[in-house]
PDB file of all heavy atoms in Angstrom:
ATOM      1  N   ALA A   1      91.784 173.982-148.505  1.00  0.00           N
ATOM      2  CA  ALA A   1      91.024 172.850-147.981  1.00  0.00           C
ATOM      3  C   ALA A   1      89.669 172.756-148.685  1.00  0.00           C
ATOM      4  O   ALA A   1      89.028 173.771-148.954  1.00  0.00           O
ATOM      5  CB  ALA A   1      90.817 173.000-146.480  1.00  0.00           C
ATOM      6  N   LEU A   2      89.249 171.538-148.993  1.00  0.00           N
ATOM      7  CA  LEU A   2      87.952 171.297-149.619  1.00  0.00           C
ATOM      8  C   LEU A   2      86.892 170.907-148.596  1.00  0.00           C
ATOM      9  O   LEU A   2      85.716 170.778-148.950  1.00  0.00           O
ATOM     10  CB  LEU A   2      88.073 170.183-150.667  1.00  0.00           C
ATOM     11  CG  LEU A   2      88.804 170.559-151.959  1.00  0.00           C
ATOM     12  CD1 LEU A   2      89.042 169.320-152.804  1.00  0.00           C
ATOM     13  CD2 LEU A   2      88.007 171.594-152.742  1.00  0.00           C
ATOM     14  N   VAL A   3      87.291 170.688-147.374  1.00  0.00           N
ATOM     15  CA  VAL A   3      86.362 170.261-146.329  1.00  0.00           C
ATOM     16  C   VAL A   3      86.556 171.140-145.111  1.00  0.00           C
ATOM     17  O   VAL A   3      87.679 171.537-144.790  1.00  0.00           O
ATOM     18  CB  VAL A   3      86.574 168.767-145.979  1.00  0.00           C
ATOM     19  CG1 VAL A   3      87.979 168.521-145.485  1.00  0.00           C
ATOM     20  CG2 VAL A   3      85.559 168.285-144.965  1.00  0.00           C
ATOM     21  N   ALA A   4      85.459 171.460-144.443  1.00  0.00           N
ATOM     22  CA  ALA A   4      85.539 172.289-143.241  1.00  0.00           C
ATOM     23  C   ALA A   4      86.092 171.478-142.069  1.00  0.00           C
ATOM     24  O   ALA A   4      85.761 170.298-141.910  1.00  0.00           O
ATOM     25  CB  ALA A   4      84.157 172.835-142.895  1.00  0.00           C
ATOM     26  N   LYS A   5      86.918 172.117-141.264  1.00  0.00           N
ATOM     27  CA  LYS A   5      87.528 171.424-140.131  1.00  0.00           C
ATOM     28  C   LYS A   5      86.470 170.906-139.168  1.00  0.00           C
ATOM     29  O   LYS A   5      86.613 169.818-138.604  1.00  0.00           O
ATOM     30  CB  LYS A   5      88.488 172.365-139.398  1.00  0.00           C
ATOM     31  CG  LYS A   5      89.236 171.686-138.260  1.00  0.00           C
ATOM     32  CD  LYS A   5      90.267 172.606-137.641  1.00  0.00           C
ATOM     33  CE  LYS A   5      91.043 171.894-136.540  1.00  0.00           C
ATOM     34  NZ  LYS A   5      92.097 172.753-135.945  1.00  0.00           N
ATOM     35  N   ASP A   6      85.384 171.661-138.973  1.00  0.00           N
ATOM     36  CA  ASP A   6      84.371 171.213-138.019  1.00  0.00           C
ATOM     37  C   ASP A   6      83.657 169.959-138.500  1.00  0.00           C
ATOM     38  O   ASP A   6      83.224 169.134-137.688  1.00  0.00           O
ATOM     39  CB  ASP A   6      83.378 172.334-137.710  1.00  0.00           C
ATOM     40  CG  ASP A   6      82.595 172.780-138.935  1.00  0.00           C
ATOM     41  OD1 ASP A   6      83.150 172.740-140.042  1.00  0.00           O
ATOM     42  OD2 ASP A   6      81.422 173.166-138.780  1.00  0.00           O
ATOM     43  N   VAL A   7      83.548 169.771-139.827  1.00  0.00           N
ATOM     44  CA  VAL A   7      82.965 168.539-140.359  1.00  0.00           C
ATOM     45  C   VAL A   7      83.851 167.353-140.006  1.00  0.00           C
ATOM     46  O   VAL A   7      83.375 166.311-139.528  1.00  0.00           O
ATOM     47  CB  VAL A   7      82.763 168.639-141.883  1.00  0.00           C
ATOM     48  CG1 VAL A   7      82.356 167.289-142.459  1.00  0.00           C
ATOM     49  CG2 VAL A   7      81.717 169.692-142.216  1.00  0.00           C
ATOM     50  N   LEU A   8      85.158 167.498-140.244  1.00  0.00           N
ATOM     51  CA  LEU A   8      86.084 166.422-139.906  1.00  0.00           C
ATOM     52  C   LEU A   8      86.102 166.167-138.400  1.00  0.00           C
ATOM     53  O   LEU A   8      86.205 165.012-137.968  1.00  0.00           O
ATOM     54  CB  LEU A   8      87.485 166.769-140.398  1.00  0.00           C
ATOM     55  CG  LEU A   8      87.687 166.769-141.919  1.00  0.00           C
ATOM     56  CD1 LEU A   8      89.078 167.276-142.268  1.00  0.00           C
ATOM     57  CD2 LEU A   8      87.469 165.381-142.494  1.00  0.00           C
ATOM     58  N   ALA A   9      86.009 167.209-137.619  1.00  0.00           N
ATOM     59  CA  ALA A   9      86.009 167.045-136.167  1.00  0.00           C
ATOM     60  C   ALA A   9      84.803 166.226-135.721  1.00  0.00           C
ATOM     61  O   ALA A   9      84.916 165.336-134.862  1.00  0.00           O
ATOM     62  CB  ALA A   9      86.029 168.407-135.477  1.00  0.00           C
ATOM     63  N   ARG A  10      83.631 166.516-136.290  1.00  0.00           N
ATOM     64  CA  ARG A  10      82.428 165.744-135.948  1.00  0.00           C
ATOM     65  C   ARG A  10      82.578 164.287-136.371  1.00  0.00           C
ATOM     66  O   ARG A  10      82.219 163.366-135.636  1.00  0.00           O
ATOM     67  CB  ARG A  10      81.191 166.362-136.598  1.00  0.00           C
ATOM     68  CG  ARG A  10      80.719 167.652-135.958  1.00  0.00           C
ATOM     69  CD  ARG A  10      79.299 167.988-136.360  1.00  0.00           C
ATOM     70  NE  ARG A  10      79.156 168.161-137.798  1.00  0.00           N
ATOM     71  CZ  ARG A  10      79.308 169.314-138.430  1.00  0.00           C
ATOM     72  NH1 ARG A  10      79.664 170.408-137.759  1.00  0.00           N
ATOM     73  NH2 ARG A  10      79.128 169.406-139.735  1.00  0.00           N
ATOM     74  N   LEU A  11      83.113 164.075-137.588  1.00  0.00           N
ATOM     75  CA  LEU A  11      83.323 162.710-138.067  1.00  0.00           C
ATOM     76  C   LEU A  11      84.278 161.947-137.161  1.00  0.00           C
ATOM     77  O   LEU A  11      84.065 160.766-136.862  1.00  0.00           O
ATOM     78  CB  LEU A  11      83.859 162.738-139.501  1.00  0.00           C
ATOM     79  CG  LEU A  11      82.903 163.206-140.596  1.00  0.00           C
ATOM     80  CD1 LEU A  11      83.651 163.366-141.909  1.00  0.00           C
ATOM     81  CD2 LEU A  11      81.745 162.224-140.768  1.00  0.00           C
ATOM     82  N   SER A  12      85.340 162.608-136.713  1.00  0.00           N
ATOM     83  CA  SER A  12      86.353 161.940-135.887  1.00  0.00           C
ATOM     84  C   SER A  12      85.802 161.526-134.528  1.00  0.00           C
ATOM     85  O   SER A  12      86.353 160.630-133.881  1.00  0.00           O
ATOM     86  CB  SER A  12      87.568 162.852-135.701  1.00  0.00           C
ATOM     87  OG  SER A  12      87.260 163.962-134.883  1.00  0.00           O
ATOM     88  N   ARG A  13      84.708 162.168-134.091  1.00  0.00           N
ATOM     89  CA  ARG A  13      84.089 161.775-132.822  1.00  0.00           C
ATOM     90  C   ARG A  13      83.188 160.549-132.989  1.00  0.00           C
ATOM     91  O   ARG A  13      82.810 159.915-132.005  1.00  0.00           O
ATOM     92  CB  ARG A  13      83.287 162.948-132.241  1.00  0.00           C
ATOM     93  CG  ARG A  13      84.163 164.080-131.730  1.00  0.00           C
ATOM     94  CD  ARG A  13      83.380 165.079-130.898  1.00  0.00           C
ATOM     95  NE  ARG A  13      82.480 165.901-131.707  1.00  0.00           N
ATOM     96  CZ  ARG A  13      82.814 167.073-132.231  1.00  0.00           C
ATOM     97  NH1 ARG A  13      84.038 167.561-132.049  1.00  0.00           N
ATOM     98  NH2 ARG A  13      81.934 167.765-132.934  1.00  0.00           N
ATOM     99  N   ARG A  14      82.874 160.228-134.235  1.00  0.00           N
ATOM    100  CA  ARG A  14      81.991 159.089-134.498  1.00  0.00           C
ATOM    101  C   ARG A  14      82.759 157.840-134.932  1.00  0.00           C
ATOM    102  O   ARG A  14      82.312 156.718-134.708  1.00  0.00           O
ATOM    103  CB  ARG A  14      80.977 159.478-135.574  1.00  0.00           C
ATOM    104  CG  ARG A  14      80.114 160.675-135.160  1.00  0.00           C
ATOM    105  CD  ARG A  14      79.118 161.068-136.213  1.00  0.00           C
ATOM    106  NE  ARG A  14      78.069 160.073-136.391  1.00  0.00           N
ATOM    107  CZ  ARG A  14      77.032 160.228-137.215  1.00  0.00           C
ATOM    108  NH1 ARG A  14      76.923 161.341-137.922  1.00  0.00           N
ATOM    109  NH2 ARG A  14      76.121 159.291-137.325  1.00  0.00           N
ATOM    110  N   CYS A  15      83.910 158.033-135.562  1.00  0.00           N
ATOM    111  CA  CYS A  15      84.748 156.899-135.953  1.00  0.00           C
ATOM    112  C   CYS A  15      86.138 157.418-136.275  1.00  0.00           C
ATOM    113  O   CYS A  15      86.309 158.616-136.545  1.00  0.00           O
ATOM    114  CB  CYS A  15      84.155 156.153-137.160  1.00  0.00           C
ATOM    115  SG  CYS A  15      84.240 157.067-138.714  1.00  0.00           S
ATOM    116  N   PRO A  16      87.168 156.561-136.230  1.00  0.00           N
ATOM    117  CA  PRO A  16      88.519 157.028-136.557  1.00  0.00           C
ATOM    118  C   PRO A  16      88.639 157.419-138.019  1.00  0.00           C
ATOM    119  O   PRO A  16      88.007 156.816-138.892  1.00  0.00           O
ATOM    120  CB  PRO A  16      89.404 155.824-136.220  1.00  0.00           C
ATOM    121  CG  PRO A  16      88.494 154.651-136.241  1.00  0.00           C
ATOM    122  CD  PRO A  16      87.142 155.148-135.820  1.00  0.00           C
ATOM    123  N   LEU A  17      89.460 158.434-138.275  1.00  0.00           N
ATOM    124  CA  LEU A  17      89.713 158.916-139.631  1.00  0.00           C
ATOM    125  C   LEU A  17      91.150 158.607-140.019  1.00  0.00           C
ATOM    126  O   LEU A  17      92.051 158.607-139.177  1.00  0.00           O
ATOM    127  CB  LEU A  17      89.483 160.428-139.728  1.00  0.00           C
ATOM    128  CG  LEU A  17      88.166 160.991-139.217  1.00  0.00           C
ATOM    129  CD1 LEU A  17      88.115 162.505-139.459  1.00  0.00           C
ATOM    130  CD2 LEU A  17      86.974 160.300-139.850  1.00  0.00           C
ATOM    131  N   GLY A  18      91.364 158.371-141.301  1.00  0.00           N
ATOM    132  CA  GLY A  18      92.713 158.128-141.797  1.00  0.00           C
ATOM    133  C   GLY A  18      92.879 158.700-143.192  1.00  0.00           C
ATOM    134  O   GLY A  18      91.897 159.066-143.854  1.00  0.00           O
ATOM    135  N   ILE A  19      94.110 158.785-143.629  1.00  0.00           N
ATOM    136  CA  ILE A  19      94.446 159.272-144.966  1.00  0.00           C
ATOM    137  C   ILE A  19      95.310 158.234-145.660  1.00  0.00           C
ATOM    138  O   ILE A  19      96.223 157.665-145.037  1.00  0.00           O
ATOM    139  CB  ILE A  19      95.200 160.613-144.896  1.00  0.00           C
ATOM    140  CG1 ILE A  19      94.258 161.733-144.432  1.00  0.00           C
ATOM    141  CG2 ILE A  19      95.815 160.983-146.251  1.00  0.00           C
ATOM    142  CD1 ILE A  19      94.955 163.070-144.221  1.00  0.00           C
ATOM    143  N   VAL A  20      95.033 157.984-146.930  1.00  0.00           N
ATOM    144  CA  VAL A  20      95.902 157.178-147.785  1.00  0.00           C
ATOM    145  C   VAL A  20      96.211 158.029-149.003  1.00  0.00           C
ATOM    146  O   VAL A  20      95.316 158.335-149.800  1.00  0.00           O
ATOM    147  CB  VAL A  20      95.240 155.850-148.202  1.00  0.00           C
ATOM    148  CG1 VAL A  20      96.197 155.039-149.079  1.00  0.00           C
ATOM    149  CG2 VAL A  20      94.813 155.040-146.981  1.00  0.00           C
ATOM    150  N   THR A  21      97.456 158.451-149.131  1.00  0.00           N
ATOM    151  CA  THR A  21      97.820 159.430-150.152  1.00  0.00           C
ATOM    152  C   THR A  21      99.112 159.056-150.858  1.00  0.00           C
ATOM    153  O   THR A  21      99.973 158.379-150.278  1.00  0.00           O
ATOM    154  CB  THR A  21      97.979 160.827-149.514  1.00  0.00           C
ATOM    155  OG1 THR A  21      98.403 161.769-150.516  1.00  0.00           O
ATOM    156  CG2 THR A  21      98.996 160.821-148.391  1.00  0.00           C
ATOM    157  N   GLY A  22      99.236 159.516-152.085  1.00  0.00           N
ATOM    158  CA  GLY A  22     100.486 159.328-152.831  1.00  0.00           C
ATOM    159  C   GLY A  22     101.524 160.381-152.511  1.00  0.00           C
ATOM    160  O   GLY A  22     102.647 160.325-153.030  1.00  0.00           O
ATOM    161  N   ARG A  23     101.190 161.346-151.648  1.00  0.00           N
ATOM    162  CA  ARG A  23     102.178 162.352-151.258  1.00  0.00           C
ATOM    163  C   ARG A  23     103.218 161.747-150.315  1.00  0.00           C
ATOM    164  O   ARG A  23     102.893 160.861-149.523  1.00  0.00           O
ATOM    165  CB  ARG A  23     101.505 163.513-150.525  1.00  0.00           C
ATOM    166  CG  ARG A  23     100.586 164.363-151.355  1.00  0.00           C
ATOM    167  CD  ARG A  23     100.224 165.614-150.601  1.00  0.00           C
ATOM    168  NE  ARG A  23      99.257 166.432-151.326  1.00  0.00           N
ATOM    169  CZ  ARG A  23      99.233 167.750-151.297  1.00  0.00           C
ATOM    170  NH1 ARG A  23     100.107 168.419-150.561  1.00  0.00           N
ATOM    171  NH2 ARG A  23      98.329 168.428-151.971  1.00  0.00           N
ATOM    172  N   PRO A  24     104.440 162.250-150.339  1.00  0.00           N
ATOM    173  CA  PRO A  24     105.415 161.875-149.305  1.00  0.00           C
ATOM    174  C   PRO A  24     104.898 162.306-147.933  1.00  0.00           C
ATOM    175  O   PRO A  24     104.166 163.298-147.809  1.00  0.00           O
ATOM    176  CB  PRO A  24     106.675 162.644-149.698  1.00  0.00           C
ATOM    177  CG  PRO A  24     106.502 162.930-151.154  1.00  0.00           C
ATOM    178  CD  PRO A  24     105.034 163.125-151.366  1.00  0.00           C
ATOM    179  N   ARG A  25     105.293 161.583-146.900  1.00  0.00           N
ATOM    180  CA  ARG A  25     104.764 161.806-145.559  1.00  0.00           C
ATOM    181  C   ARG A  25     105.003 163.239-145.070  1.00  0.00           C
ATOM    182  O   ARG A  25     104.080 163.887-144.559  1.00  0.00           O
ATOM    183  CB  ARG A  25     105.402 160.811-144.581  1.00  0.00           C
ATOM    184  CG  ARG A  25     104.879 160.921-143.148  1.00  0.00           C
ATOM    185  CD  ARG A  25     105.489 159.848-142.255  1.00  0.00           C
ATOM    186  NE  ARG A  25     105.064 159.997-140.887  1.00  0.00           N
ATOM    187  CZ  ARG A  25     103.915 159.536-140.392  1.00  0.00           C
ATOM    188  NH1 ARG A  25     103.075 158.909-141.189  1.00  0.00           N
ATOM    189  NH2 ARG A  25     103.603 159.705-139.121  1.00  0.00           N
ATOM    190  N   LEU A  26     106.223 163.749-145.225  1.00  0.00           N
ATOM    191  CA  LEU A  26     106.529 165.091-144.734  1.00  0.00           C
ATOM    192  C   LEU A  26     105.664 166.128-145.428  1.00  0.00           C
ATOM    193  O   LEU A  26     105.096 167.022-144.781  1.00  0.00           O
ATOM    194  CB  LEU A  26     108.011 165.410-144.934  1.00  0.00           C
ATOM    195  CG  LEU A  26     108.451 166.819-144.494  1.00  0.00           C
ATOM    196  CD1 LEU A  26     108.173 167.027-143.009  1.00  0.00           C
ATOM    197  CD2 LEU A  26     109.938 167.015-144.795  1.00  0.00           C
ATOM    198  N   GLU A  27     105.543 166.018-146.739  1.00  0.00           N
ATOM    199  CA  GLU A  27     104.724 166.968-147.488  1.00  0.00           C
ATOM    200  C   GLU A  27     103.267 166.896-147.049  1.00  0.00           C
ATOM    201  O   GLU A  27     102.592 167.922-146.913  1.00  0.00           O
ATOM    202  CB  GLU A  27     104.828 166.682-148.987  1.00  0.00           C
ATOM    203  CG  GLU A  27     104.012 167.624-149.848  1.00  0.00           C
ATOM    204  CD  GLU A  27     103.972 167.186-151.294  1.00  0.00           C
ATOM    205  OE1 GLU A  27     104.965 166.593-151.774  1.00  0.00           O
ATOM    206  OE2 GLU A  27     102.936 167.426-151.948  1.00  0.00           O
ATOM    207  N   ALA A  28     102.767 165.682-146.817  1.00  0.00           N
ATOM    208  CA  ALA A  28     101.380 165.516-146.377  1.00  0.00           C
ATOM    209  C   ALA A  28     101.151 166.212-145.041  1.00  0.00           C
ATOM    210  O   ALA A  28     100.169 166.948-144.866  1.00  0.00           O
ATOM    211  CB  ALA A  28     101.035 164.034-146.274  1.00  0.00           C
ATOM    212  N   PHE A  29     102.046 166.009-144.088  1.00  0.00           N
ATOM    213  CA  PHE A  29     101.865 166.595-142.762  1.00  0.00           C
ATOM    214  C   PHE A  29     102.023 168.119-142.797  1.00  0.00           C
ATOM    215  O   PHE A  29     101.290 168.831-142.097  1.00  0.00           O
ATOM    216  CB  PHE A  29     102.832 165.967-141.761  1.00  0.00           C
ATOM    217  CG  PHE A  29     102.322 164.689-141.164  1.00  0.00           C
ATOM    218  CD1 PHE A  29     102.712 163.463-141.680  1.00  0.00           C
ATOM    219  CD2 PHE A  29     101.433 164.712-140.108  1.00  0.00           C
ATOM    220  CE1 PHE A  29     102.226 162.280-141.142  1.00  0.00           C
ATOM    221  CE2 PHE A  29     100.947 163.541-139.554  1.00  0.00           C
ATOM    222  CZ  PHE A  29     101.339 162.316-140.073  1.00  0.00           C
ATOM    223  N   VAL A  30     102.966 168.616-143.579  1.00  0.00           N
ATOM    224  CA  VAL A  30     103.140 170.064-143.692  1.00  0.00           C
ATOM    225  C   VAL A  30     101.875 170.696-144.274  1.00  0.00           C
ATOM    226  O   VAL A  30     101.407 171.747-143.803  1.00  0.00           O
ATOM    227  CB  VAL A  30     104.368 170.393-144.558  1.00  0.00           C
ATOM    228  CG1 VAL A  30     104.381 171.873-144.940  1.00  0.00           C
ATOM    229  CG2 VAL A  30     105.653 170.033-143.814  1.00  0.00           C
ATOM    230  N   THR A  31     101.294 170.070-145.291  1.00  0.00           N
ATOM    231  CA  THR A  31     100.087 170.600-145.915  1.00  0.00           C
ATOM    232  C   THR A  31      98.905 170.563-144.957  1.00  0.00           C
ATOM    233  O   THR A  31      98.146 171.533-144.844  1.00  0.00           O
ATOM    234  CB  THR A  31      99.756 169.806-147.194  1.00  0.00           C
ATOM    235  OG1 THR A  31     100.837 169.942-148.128  1.00  0.00           O
ATOM    236  CG2 THR A  31      98.467 170.313-147.836  1.00  0.00           C
ATOM    237  N   LEU A  32      98.730 169.450-144.244  1.00  0.00           N
ATOM    238  CA  LEU A  32      97.638 169.360-143.274  1.00  0.00           C
ATOM    239  C   LEU A  32      97.770 170.429-142.199  1.00  0.00           C
ATOM    240  O   LEU A  32      96.787 171.058-141.799  1.00  0.00           O
ATOM    241  CB  LEU A  32      97.615 167.970-142.635  1.00  0.00           C
ATOM    242  CG  LEU A  32      97.193 166.800-143.537  1.00  0.00           C
ATOM    243  CD1 LEU A  32      97.399 165.482-142.816  1.00  0.00           C
ATOM    244  CD2 LEU A  32      95.736 166.946-143.961  1.00  0.00           C
ATOM    245  N   ARG A  33      98.996 170.654-141.743  1.00  0.00           N
ATOM    246  CA  ARG A  33      99.218 171.668-140.701  1.00  0.00           C
ATOM    247  C   ARG A  33      98.919 173.064-141.244  1.00  0.00           C
ATOM    248  O   ARG A  33      98.281 173.874-140.573  1.00  0.00           O
ATOM    249  CB  ARG A  33     100.652 171.582-140.196  1.00  0.00           C
ATOM    250  CG  ARG A  33     100.936 172.508-139.003  1.00  0.00           C
ATOM    251  CD  ARG A  33     102.350 172.338-138.499  1.00  0.00           C
ATOM    252  NE  ARG A  33     102.621 170.956-138.131  1.00  0.00           N
ATOM    253  CZ  ARG A  33     103.491 170.162-138.748  1.00  0.00           C
ATOM    254  NH1 ARG A  33     104.174 170.621-139.792  1.00  0.00           N
ATOM    255  NH2 ARG A  33     103.684 168.924-138.361  1.00  0.00           N
ATOM    256  N   ARG A  34      99.376 173.348-142.448  1.00  0.00           N
ATOM    257  CA  ARG A  34      99.174 174.679-143.021  1.00  0.00           C
ATOM    258  C   ARG A  34      97.696 174.966-143.247  1.00  0.00           C
ATOM    259  O   ARG A  34      97.246 176.109-143.109  1.00  0.00           O
ATOM    260  CB  ARG A  34      99.936 174.801-144.350  1.00  0.00           C
ATOM    261  CG  ARG A  34      99.906 176.198-144.949  1.00  0.00           C
ATOM    262  CD  ARG A  34     100.811 176.309-146.153  1.00  0.00           C
ATOM    263  NE  ARG A  34     100.448 175.378-147.189  1.00  0.00           N
ATOM    264  CZ  ARG A  34      99.446 175.572-148.053  1.00  0.00           C
ATOM    265  NH1 ARG A  34      98.729 176.669-147.985  1.00  0.00           N
ATOM    266  NH2 ARG A  34      99.171 174.674-148.975  1.00  0.00           N
ATOM    267  N   LEU A  35      96.913 173.929-143.566  1.00  0.00           N
ATOM    268  CA  LEU A  35      95.488 174.102-143.825  1.00  0.00           C
ATOM    269  C   LEU A  35      94.648 173.955-142.560  1.00  0.00           C
ATOM    270  O   LEU A  35      93.414 174.059-142.618  1.00  0.00           O
ATOM    271  CB  LEU A  35      95.019 173.102-144.884  1.00  0.00           C
ATOM    272  CG  LEU A  35      95.662 173.234-146.272  1.00  0.00           C
ATOM    273  CD1 LEU A  35      95.107 172.183-147.215  1.00  0.00           C
ATOM    274  CD2 LEU A  35      95.450 174.633-146.841  1.00  0.00           C
ATOM    275  N   GLY A  36      95.290 173.702-141.433  1.00  0.00           N
ATOM    276  CA  GLY A  36      94.571 173.577-140.173  1.00  0.00           C
ATOM    277  C   GLY A  36      93.808 172.283-140.011  1.00  0.00           C
ATOM    278  O   GLY A  36      92.849 172.204-139.242  1.00  0.00           O
ATOM    279  N   LEU A  37      94.233 171.229-140.727  1.00  0.00           N
ATOM    280  CA  LEU A  37      93.551 169.941-140.671  1.00  0.00           C
ATOM    281  C   LEU A  37      94.352 168.891-139.914  1.00  0.00           C
ATOM    282  O   LEU A  37      93.947 167.721-139.865  1.00  0.00           O
ATOM    283  CB  LEU A  37      93.260 169.432-142.094  1.00  0.00           C
ATOM    284  CG  LEU A  37      92.417 170.354-142.982  1.00  0.00           C
ATOM    285  CD1 LEU A  37      92.226 169.727-144.356  1.00  0.00           C
ATOM    286  CD2 LEU A  37      91.075 170.663-142.341  1.00  0.00           C
ATOM    287  N   ASP A  38      95.463 169.271-139.324  1.00  0.00           N
ATOM    288  CA  ASP A  38      96.277 168.301-138.587  1.00  0.00           C
ATOM    289  C   ASP A  38      95.607 167.960-137.255  1.00  0.00           C
ATOM    290  O   ASP A  38      94.790 168.714-136.733  1.00  0.00           O
ATOM    291  CB  ASP A  38      97.683 168.845-138.342  1.00  0.00           C
ATOM    292  CG  ASP A  38      97.664 170.202-137.647  1.00  0.00           C
ATOM    293  OD1 ASP A  38      96.775 171.010-137.974  1.00  0.00           O
ATOM    294  OD2 ASP A  38      98.529 170.454-136.795  1.00  0.00           O
ATOM    295  N   GLY A  39      95.952 166.791-136.730  1.00  0.00           N
ATOM    296  CA  GLY A  39      95.419 166.356-135.449  1.00  0.00           C
ATOM    297  C   GLY A  39      94.063 165.687-135.527  1.00  0.00           C
ATOM    298  O   GLY A  39      93.521 165.268-134.497  1.00  0.00           O
ATOM    299  N   LEU A  40      93.491 165.578-136.732  1.00  0.00           N
ATOM    300  CA  LEU A  40      92.166 164.985-136.884  1.00  0.00           C
ATOM    301  C   LEU A  40      92.213 163.543-137.380  1.00  0.00           C
ATOM    302  O   LEU A  40      91.193 162.854-137.345  1.00  0.00           O
ATOM    303  CB  LEU A  40      91.337 165.817-137.865  1.00  0.00           C
ATOM    304  CG  LEU A  40      91.031 167.252-137.431  1.00  0.00           C
ATOM    305  CD1 LEU A  40      90.449 168.043-138.598  1.00  0.00           C
ATOM    306  CD2 LEU A  40      90.047 167.243-136.261  1.00  0.00           C
ATOM    307  N   PHE A  41      93.390 163.090-137.810  1.00  0.00           N
ATOM    308  CA  PHE A  41      93.511 161.777-138.441  1.00  0.00           C
ATOM    309  C   PHE A  41      94.335 160.838-137.574  1.00  0.00           C
ATOM    310  O   PHE A  41      95.444 161.173-137.144  1.00  0.00           O
ATOM    311  CB  PHE A  41      94.127 161.917-139.837  1.00  0.00           C
ATOM    312  CG  PHE A  41      93.307 162.799-140.742  1.00  0.00           C
ATOM    313  CD1 PHE A  41      93.593 164.155-140.868  1.00  0.00           C
ATOM    314  CD2 PHE A  41      92.222 162.282-141.434  1.00  0.00           C
ATOM    315  CE1 PHE A  41      92.834 164.977-141.677  1.00  0.00           C
ATOM    316  CE2 PHE A  41      91.452 163.103-142.246  1.00  0.00           C
ATOM    317  CZ  PHE A  41      91.749 164.450-142.375  1.00  0.00           C
TER     318      PHE A  41
END
């Protein structure tokens, strides 16, 4: 991960967060979960 989870958590309390990626959906979600970034977007 290039960003700390607590930074994203603070951002998500101020406005909605989203991802636009060229990865396939399953791969994107597996990676977010493995890095502990799921549930923030």
